[in-house]
Protein backbone atom coordinates (compact mmCIF):
# COMPACT_ATOMS: atom_id res chain seq x y z
CA UNK A 1 46.35 1.25 39.34
CA UNK A 2 46.87 -2.24 41.33
CA UNK A 3 43.42 -2.70 40.64
CA UNK A 4 43.64 -2.64 36.93
CA UNK A 5 46.99 -4.82 37.18
CA UNK A 6 45.33 -7.43 38.60
CA UNK A 7 42.16 -7.48 36.58
CA UNK A 8 44.70 -7.70 33.37
CA UNK A 9 46.48 -10.33 34.73
CA UNK A 10 42.94 -12.10 35.60
CA UNK A 11 41.88 -11.76 32.19
CA UNK A 12 45.15 -12.78 30.41
CA UNK A 13 45.28 -15.84 32.77
CA UNK A 14 42.99 -17.58 30.71
CA UNK A 15 42.90 -15.90 26.97
CA UNK A 16 40.64 -17.96 25.23
CA UNK A 17 38.17 -17.96 27.75
CA UNK A 18 38.39 -13.92 27.67
CA UNK A 19 38.11 -14.11 23.74
CA UNK A 20 35.00 -16.35 23.92
CA UNK A 21 33.43 -14.46 26.79
CA UNK A 22 34.08 -11.10 24.47
CA UNK A 23 32.42 -13.10 21.78
CA UNK A 24 29.15 -12.56 22.62
CA UNK A 25 29.54 -8.96 23.10
CA UNK A 26 31.35 -8.91 19.75
CA UNK A 27 28.35 -10.45 17.82
CA UNK A 28 25.87 -8.16 19.97
CA UNK A 29 27.09 -4.75 19.16
CA UNK A 30 27.60 -5.95 15.25
CA UNK A 31 24.37 -7.42 15.20
CA UNK A 32 22.79 -4.05 16.39
CA UNK A 33 24.94 -1.92 13.94
CA UNK A 34 24.12 -4.37 11.15
CA UNK A 35 20.24 -4.11 11.87
CA UNK A 36 20.09 -0.58 12.40
CA UNK A 37 22.06 0.34 9.59
CA UNK A 38 19.75 -1.97 7.26
CA UNK A 39 16.41 -0.57 8.56
CA UNK A 40 17.59 2.93 7.98
CA UNK A 41 19.00 2.41 4.95
CA UNK A 42 15.41 0.73 4.08
CA UNK A 43 13.43 3.47 5.68
CA UNK A 44 15.89 6.21 3.16
CA UNK A 45 15.26 4.20 0.16
CA UNK A 46 11.32 4.08 0.60
CA UNK A 47 11.60 7.95 1.40
CA UNK A 48 13.37 8.43 -1.99
CA UNK A 49 11.16 6.18 -3.92
CA UNK A 50 8.32 8.04 -2.46
CA UNK A 51 9.98 11.51 -3.56
CA UNK A 52 10.98 10.26 -6.95
CA UNK A 53 6.99 10.26 -7.57
CA UNK A 54 6.64 13.85 -7.07
CA UNK A 55 6.29 16.21 -4.29
CA UNK A 56 2.85 17.77 -3.36
CA UNK A 57 1.33 15.40 -5.58
CA UNK A 58 -2.61 14.25 -5.62
CA UNK A 59 -3.69 12.32 -8.37
CA UNK A 60 -7.53 12.15 -9.47
CA UNK A 61 -8.62 8.53 -10.47
CA UNK A 62 -11.84 7.45 -11.99
CA UNK A 63 -14.27 5.75 -9.12
CA UNK A 64 -15.95 2.26 -9.36
CA UNK A 65 -19.01 1.68 -10.93
CA UNK A 66 -21.59 -0.64 -9.42
CA UNK A 67 -24.59 -2.61 -10.75
CA UNK A 68 -26.67 -3.84 -7.63
CA UNK A 69 -24.08 -5.78 -5.48
CA UNK A 70 -21.41 -6.33 -8.24
CA UNK A 71 -18.45 -3.78 -8.21
CA UNK A 72 -16.28 -3.55 -11.43
CA UNK A 73 -13.15 -2.04 -9.29
CA UNK A 74 -11.65 1.41 -9.13
CA UNK A 75 -11.15 3.18 -12.56
CA UNK A 76 -14.10 1.35 -14.10
CA UNK A 77 -15.99 4.73 -14.25
CA UNK A 78 -15.10 6.75 -17.42
CA UNK A 79 -16.32 9.88 -17.11
CA UNK A 80 -13.09 12.12 -16.64
CA UNK A 81 -12.42 14.33 -19.53
CA UNK A 82 -9.60 16.58 -20.66
CA UNK A 83 -11.97 18.95 -19.75
CA UNK A 84 -11.82 18.71 -16.11
CA UNK A 85 -8.27 18.89 -15.79
CA UNK A 86 -8.25 22.47 -17.49
CA UNK A 87 -11.40 23.02 -15.06
CA UNK A 88 -9.02 22.02 -11.97
CA UNK A 89 -6.27 23.96 -12.97
CA UNK A 90 -8.31 27.32 -13.40
CA UNK A 91 -10.81 26.59 -10.59
CA UNK A 92 -8.59 25.28 -7.45
CA UNK A 93 -6.32 28.10 -6.40
CA UNK A 94 -4.34 25.78 -4.55
CA UNK A 95 -3.11 23.87 -7.48
CA UNK A 96 -0.10 25.20 -9.66
CA UNK A 97 0.25 22.19 -12.12
CA UNK A 98 -2.03 19.72 -14.10
CA UNK A 99 -1.29 16.66 -16.25
CA UNK A 100 -4.11 14.58 -17.46
CA UNK A 101 -2.66 11.27 -18.46
CA UNK A 102 -3.72 7.61 -20.27
CA UNK A 103 -1.70 4.73 -20.49
CA UNK A 104 -1.38 1.47 -22.48
CA UNK A 105 1.19 -1.29 -23.75
CA UNK A 106 2.15 -1.20 -27.43
CA UNK A 107 5.26 -2.23 -29.74
CA UNK A 108 7.53 0.37 -30.35
CA UNK A 109 9.84 -0.17 -33.27
CA UNK A 110 13.12 1.41 -34.70
CA UNK A 111 14.60 -0.19 -38.16
CA UNK A 112 14.67 -4.08 -37.07
CA UNK A 113 14.59 -3.60 -33.14
CA UNK A 114 11.29 -3.46 -31.43
CA UNK A 115 10.43 -3.34 -27.90
CA UNK A 116 6.70 -3.83 -26.27
CA UNK A 117 6.48 -0.98 -23.51
CA UNK A 118 4.26 1.52 -21.58
CA UNK A 119 2.87 4.13 -23.53
CA UNK A 120 2.33 7.17 -21.70
CA UNK A 121 -0.06 10.13 -22.69
CA UNK A 122 0.59 13.52 -20.25
CA UNK A 123 0.24 16.92 -20.24
CA UNK A 124 3.22 19.21 -20.54
CA UNK A 125 3.66 19.78 -16.95
CA UNK A 126 4.61 16.22 -16.52
CA UNK A 127 8.30 16.29 -16.15
CA UNK A 128 7.96 18.79 -13.17
CA UNK A 129 4.83 17.19 -11.39
CA UNK A 130 6.80 13.72 -11.56
CA UNK A 131 10.46 15.04 -10.74
CA UNK A 132 11.43 13.02 -13.82
CA UNK A 133 14.08 14.98 -15.17
CA UNK A 134 14.62 15.37 -19.06
CA UNK A 135 18.45 14.52 -20.06
CA UNK A 136 18.72 15.94 -23.72
CA UNK A 137 16.28 17.12 -26.05
CA UNK A 138 12.86 18.40 -24.73
CA UNK A 139 9.23 17.66 -23.56
CA UNK A 140 6.37 18.46 -26.09
CA UNK A 141 4.62 21.70 -25.51
CA UNK A 142 0.90 22.67 -25.49
CA UNK A 143 0.41 23.74 -29.10
CA UNK A 144 1.76 20.00 -30.04
CA UNK A 145 -1.12 18.55 -27.46
CA UNK A 146 -3.53 20.71 -29.30
CA UNK A 147 -2.16 19.50 -32.79
CA UNK A 148 -2.30 16.11 -31.59
CA UNK A 149 1.31 15.81 -32.89
CA UNK A 150 3.37 12.62 -33.62
CA UNK A 151 6.33 13.46 -31.24
CA UNK A 152 7.46 11.49 -28.45
CA UNK A 153 10.01 11.22 -25.19
CA UNK A 154 11.93 7.79 -24.65
CA UNK A 155 12.71 6.43 -21.04
CA UNK A 156 16.34 5.69 -20.78
CA UNK A 157 15.60 1.95 -20.75
CA UNK A 158 13.58 2.25 -24.21
CA UNK A 159 16.08 4.30 -25.61
CA UNK A 160 18.82 1.87 -24.91
CA UNK A 161 16.69 -1.21 -26.18
CA UNK A 162 16.01 0.71 -29.37
CA UNK A 163 19.44 2.77 -29.84
CA UNK A 164 22.00 1.05 -28.07
CA UNK A 165 24.62 4.34 -27.05
CA UNK A 166 23.68 6.45 -30.35
CA UNK A 167 21.53 9.57 -29.43
CA UNK A 168 17.66 8.62 -30.39
CA UNK A 169 17.10 12.85 -30.86
CA UNK A 170 15.73 13.51 -34.19
CA UNK A 171 15.35 10.01 -35.04
CA UNK A 172 11.86 8.22 -35.77
CA UNK A 173 10.12 5.47 -34.28
CA UNK A 174 6.85 3.41 -35.09
CA UNK A 175 4.26 3.02 -32.61
CA UNK A 176 1.41 1.04 -33.80
CA UNK A 177 2.28 1.43 -37.14
CA UNK A 178 2.64 5.44 -36.97
CA UNK A 179 5.88 7.16 -37.12
CA UNK A 180 6.65 9.48 -34.36
CA UNK A 181 9.55 11.82 -34.24
CA UNK A 182 11.75 11.37 -30.80
CA UNK A 183 12.26 14.92 -29.75
CA UNK A 184 13.54 14.19 -25.92
CA UNK A 185 15.20 11.74 -23.83
CA UNK A 186 14.49 11.43 -19.70
CA UNK A 187 17.03 10.52 -17.38
CA UNK A 188 17.34 7.32 -15.58
CA UNK A 189 15.11 7.21 -12.85
CA UNK A 190 14.67 3.84 -11.44
CA UNK A 191 11.56 1.51 -10.71
CA UNK A 192 8.93 2.25 -9.15
CA UNK A 193 7.17 -0.57 -7.51
CA UNK A 194 4.89 -2.48 -10.20
CA UNK A 195 6.02 0.52 -12.77
CA UNK A 196 9.10 1.38 -14.36
CA UNK A 197 8.89 5.15 -15.88
CA UNK A 198 12.35 4.36 -17.78
CA UNK A 199 10.45 1.36 -19.47
CA UNK A 200 8.05 3.80 -21.41
CA UNK A 201 7.76 6.40 -24.56
CA UNK A 202 5.59 9.78 -23.44
CA UNK A 203 3.50 11.13 -25.92
CA UNK A 204 0.78 13.97 -25.96
CA UNK A 205 -2.22 13.15 -24.31
CA UNK A 206 -4.31 13.78 -26.79
CA UNK A 207 -2.07 11.99 -29.73
CA UNK A 208 -2.25 8.79 -26.94
CA UNK A 209 -5.94 8.99 -26.84
CA UNK A 210 -6.99 9.60 -30.36
CA UNK A 211 -4.10 8.11 -32.66
CA UNK A 212 -2.93 5.35 -30.26
CA UNK A 213 -5.30 3.71 -27.72
CA UNK A 214 -8.87 5.14 -29.35
CA UNK A 215 -10.13 6.68 -25.74
CA UNK A 216 -12.45 9.50 -25.35
CA UNK A 217 -11.88 10.05 -21.78
CA UNK A 218 -8.69 10.16 -19.61
CA UNK A 219 -7.95 7.72 -16.62
CA UNK A 220 -5.89 10.06 -14.30
CA UNK A 221 -5.11 13.94 -13.57
CA UNK A 222 -2.13 14.15 -11.51
CA UNK A 223 -1.90 17.88 -10.08
CA UNK A 224 0.74 19.37 -7.80
CA UNK A 225 -0.46 21.55 -5.29
CA UNK A 226 1.39 24.98 -4.00
CA UNK A 227 2.75 23.50 -0.88
CA UNK A 228 2.50 20.38 1.97
CA UNK A 229 0.00 22.70 3.69
CA UNK A 230 -2.64 23.11 0.97
CA UNK A 231 -2.84 19.21 0.01
CA UNK A 232 -6.19 19.27 1.83
CA UNK A 233 -7.57 22.43 0.64
CA UNK A 234 -6.89 21.26 -2.84
CA UNK A 235 -9.08 18.24 -2.30
CA UNK A 236 -11.96 20.28 -1.31
CA UNK A 237 -11.51 22.39 -4.06
CA UNK A 238 -11.46 19.05 -6.34
CA UNK A 239 -14.75 18.30 -4.83
CA UNK A 240 -16.61 21.77 -5.65
CA UNK A 241 -15.49 21.73 -9.16
CA UNK A 242 -15.65 18.45 -10.28
CA UNK A 243 -19.72 17.95 -8.49
CA UNK A 244 -20.63 20.79 -10.42
CA UNK A 245 -19.21 19.44 -13.75
CA UNK A 246 -20.27 15.85 -13.31
CA UNK A 247 -23.62 17.22 -12.00
CA UNK A 248 -23.47 15.42 -8.62
CA UNK A 249 -25.95 16.97 -6.10
CA UNK A 250 -24.42 17.68 -2.48
CA UNK A 251 -25.04 14.10 -1.12
CA UNK A 252 -24.46 12.34 -4.13
CA UNK A 253 -21.45 9.58 -4.29
CA UNK A 254 -18.25 11.18 -6.06
CA UNK A 255 -17.46 9.72 -9.66
CA UNK A 256 -13.58 9.74 -8.56
CA UNK A 257 -11.22 9.18 -6.12
CA UNK A 258 -8.45 11.04 -5.06
CA UNK A 259 -4.85 9.43 -4.31
CA UNK A 260 -2.89 11.63 -1.99
CA UNK A 261 1.11 11.37 -2.18
CA UNK A 262 1.51 12.23 1.30
CA UNK A 263 -0.84 10.02 3.12
CA UNK A 264 1.30 7.32 1.19
CA UNK A 265 4.64 8.32 2.45
CA UNK A 266 3.23 8.82 5.75
CA UNK A 267 1.65 5.43 5.81
CA UNK A 268 5.33 3.91 4.69
CA UNK A 269 7.40 5.86 6.82
CA UNK A 270 5.20 4.51 9.72
CA UNK A 271 5.94 1.02 8.54
CA UNK A 272 9.38 1.61 8.08
CA UNK A 273 9.70 2.60 11.74
CA UNK A 274 7.72 -0.52 12.90
CA UNK A 275 10.11 -2.35 11.14
CA UNK A 276 13.08 -0.38 12.57
CA UNK A 277 12.06 -0.81 15.97
CA UNK A 278 11.58 -4.71 15.51
CA UNK A 279 14.98 -5.49 14.29
CA UNK A 280 16.53 -3.28 16.73
CA UNK A 281 14.68 -4.78 19.30
CA UNK A 282 15.91 -8.35 18.05
CA UNK A 283 19.58 -7.11 18.08
CA UNK A 284 19.57 -5.52 21.57
CA UNK A 285 18.27 -8.84 22.89
CA UNK A 286 21.48 -10.42 21.17
CA UNK A 287 23.52 -7.65 23.27
CA UNK A 288 21.73 -8.57 26.48
CA UNK A 289 22.91 -12.14 25.84
CA UNK A 290 26.16 -11.31 25.48
CA UNK A 291 25.76 -9.18 28.85
CA UNK A 292 24.74 -12.68 30.20
CA UNK A 293 27.62 -14.50 28.90
CA UNK A 294 30.01 -11.67 30.77
CA UNK A 295 28.17 -12.24 34.18
CA UNK A 296 28.04 -16.13 34.00
CA UNK A 297 31.97 -16.20 33.29
CA UNK A 298 32.60 -13.80 35.65
CA UNK A 299 30.75 -15.62 38.15
CA UNK A 300 32.95 -18.99 37.20
CA UNK A 301 35.96 -16.79 37.87
CA UNK A 302 35.17 -15.74 40.97
CA UNK A 303 34.54 -19.41 42.33
CA UNK A 304 37.62 -20.51 40.73
CA UNK A 305 39.68 -17.64 42.25
CA UNK A 306 38.21 -17.59 45.89
CA UNK A 307 41.61 -18.42 47.06
CA UNK A 308 43.23 -15.72 45.54
CA UNK A 309 40.55 -13.40 46.86
CA UNK A 310 41.51 -14.95 50.56
CA UNK A 311 45.16 -14.47 50.24
CA UNK A 312 44.69 -10.65 48.61
CA UNK A 313 42.44 -9.77 51.81
CA UNK A 314 44.75 -11.69 54.13
CA UNK A 315 47.50 -8.87 53.24
CA UNK A 316 45.37 -5.85 53.24
CA UNK A 317 43.20 -5.93 50.33
CA UNK A 318 39.63 -3.99 51.00
CA UNK A 319 36.38 -5.10 49.83
CA UNK A 320 36.38 -1.63 47.72
CA UNK A 321 39.71 -3.09 45.83
CA UNK A 322 38.23 -6.34 45.17
CA UNK A 323 35.08 -4.94 44.05
CA UNK A 324 37.07 -2.63 41.81
CA UNK A 325 39.23 -5.60 40.42
CA UNK A 326 36.35 -7.55 39.30
CA UNK A 327 34.08 -4.73 38.05
CA UNK A 328 37.21 -3.79 35.74
CA UNK A 329 37.62 -7.09 34.26
CA UNK A 330 33.57 -7.23 33.30
CA UNK A 331 34.29 -3.68 31.71
CA UNK A 332 37.26 -4.38 30.11
CA UNK A 333 35.70 -7.31 28.49
CA UNK A 334 32.64 -5.16 27.59
CA UNK A 335 34.60 -2.91 25.97
CA UNK A 336 37.13 -4.75 23.76
CA UNK A 337 33.89 -6.75 22.94
CA UNK A 338 32.13 -3.47 22.06
CA UNK A 339 35.19 -1.89 20.04
CA UNK A 340 35.66 -5.31 17.85
CA UNK A 341 31.73 -5.41 17.55
CA UNK A 342 31.89 -1.76 16.18
CA UNK A 343 34.52 -3.12 13.39
CA UNK A 344 32.60 -6.20 13.07
CA UNK A 345 29.11 -4.16 12.62
CA UNK A 346 30.77 -1.48 10.06
CA UNK A 347 32.09 -4.03 8.01
CA UNK A 348 29.13 -6.76 8.19
CA UNK A 349 26.79 -3.91 6.90
CA UNK A 350 29.19 -2.59 4.10
CA UNK A 351 29.11 -6.43 3.14
CA UNK A 352 25.52 -7.11 3.40
CA UNK A 353 24.63 -3.93 1.44
CA UNK A 354 27.16 -5.01 -1.38
CA UNK A 355 26.15 -8.39 -1.89
CA UNK A 356 22.60 -7.52 -1.65
CA UNK A 357 22.50 -4.41 -3.34
CA UNK A 358 20.58 -2.70 -0.42
CA UNK A 359 21.00 0.87 0.56
CA UNK A 360 22.92 0.80 3.87
CA UNK A 361 23.02 3.86 6.13
CA UNK A 362 25.74 3.95 9.00
CA UNK A 363 24.62 6.40 11.45
CA UNK A 364 27.68 7.45 13.74
CA UNK A 365 25.41 8.29 16.42
CA UNK A 366 23.91 4.52 16.38
CA UNK A 367 27.68 3.48 16.37
CA UNK A 368 28.53 5.28 19.27
CA UNK A 369 24.99 4.31 21.01
CA UNK A 370 25.98 0.47 20.52
CA UNK A 371 29.36 0.70 22.00
CA UNK A 372 28.03 3.20 24.99
CA UNK A 373 25.36 0.17 25.88
CA UNK A 374 27.99 -2.38 25.65
CA UNK A 375 29.83 -0.45 28.21
CA UNK A 376 26.69 -0.03 30.38
CA UNK A 377 25.88 -3.78 29.88
CA UNK A 378 29.46 -4.71 30.96
CA UNK A 379 29.06 -2.69 33.94
CA UNK A 380 25.46 -3.86 34.98
CA UNK A 381 26.01 -7.77 34.38
CA UNK A 382 29.62 -7.47 36.15
CA UNK A 383 28.38 -5.91 39.32
CA UNK A 384 26.76 -8.85 40.69
CA UNK A 385 29.78 -11.17 40.50
CA UNK A 386 32.34 -8.29 41.62
CA UNK A 387 30.08 -7.88 44.90
CA UNK A 388 29.83 -11.42 45.32
CA UNK A 389 33.81 -11.33 45.33
CA UNK A 390 33.90 -8.31 47.75
CA UNK A 391 31.90 -10.35 50.26
CA UNK A 392 33.73 -13.14 50.69
CA UNK A 393 35.34 -13.71 54.17
CA UNK A 394 39.07 -14.43 53.95
CA UNK A 395 39.25 -17.18 56.36
CA UNK A 396 36.64 -19.49 54.39
CA UNK A 397 38.48 -18.22 51.18
CA UNK A 398 41.47 -19.39 52.37
CA UNK A 399 40.34 -22.89 53.02
CA UNK A 400 38.41 -23.29 49.91
CA UNK A 401 39.99 -25.69 47.88
């Protein structure tokens, strides 16, 4: 109890210096919490964005055409057909849904309003595969695909641009001079990198090919596997079905590529983990700098209070009493700094997220770990000054001027 009282007296004797010493811990703990909350928020945002593209999805894209040493890039081969999508659904047991697709940019008009948007020609299973939910109305059916019907579903941004707040269901819009009936409206999904599914119009894939874009091939086949564990098997099944349809010999080069959603998600998560570890490491270094500040001030304090230490030893204080007093001072500084740092970190994280519109994740475990680490830092960096104070010879200490 005496050691606690003496430690508090020692700290309150110079309040400004004590506060400036804790400032290092405040900034260190706050930096750790802010950095990790930003990193975890970024990681979660990437995971949600990837999830929004659809689950268990595999996308088949045309391969690249080559002439001699010249490559025309992926998508330059035009061998994917609507029949390939049907063959995959029938011939690949690991696949439960398939959506062939084409796309292009066209003007969409409603009365005196018009908007340049992406026209997406898809199959009936697109909303389920891509996790894009219908807000009102419905999606087109297989009969409308076969009949090349002029029906469409609007993305939320396109609907707002053309219809403001009124419902577009049952209205007619003009695409490339052709009238289309709006039968559905998608919920807002948000931008996905370079593509914004909200700023688009969705029509039957056959209608897009024949009436709007003039294509006799498809640009992609998006599929959904029956489970995460069947993704690899599904790719093997694609290989068998498409090689047979495209008449590619066993050792021949495939004229398609498969884009695996799981691989993308795994790569993005690894990148986010690396980013999180980097910023957390930088923040921890700032916390260690705060600990060094405590050690520096404690050494100065021991030097200034050498005579006080000598008096205490002369009237009966033992080494362990002196050691406890200075250790308690260091711990008090780190704990107070840690608590204020937690407050600073929480407020700072929310402020950064609000100002920059970033997703922030405040994990109680991170907050507890940061505070605990600050206490450990205080003990670690306070031990040497306390040990030095406890070893002072009382006679030499009393003679110190």
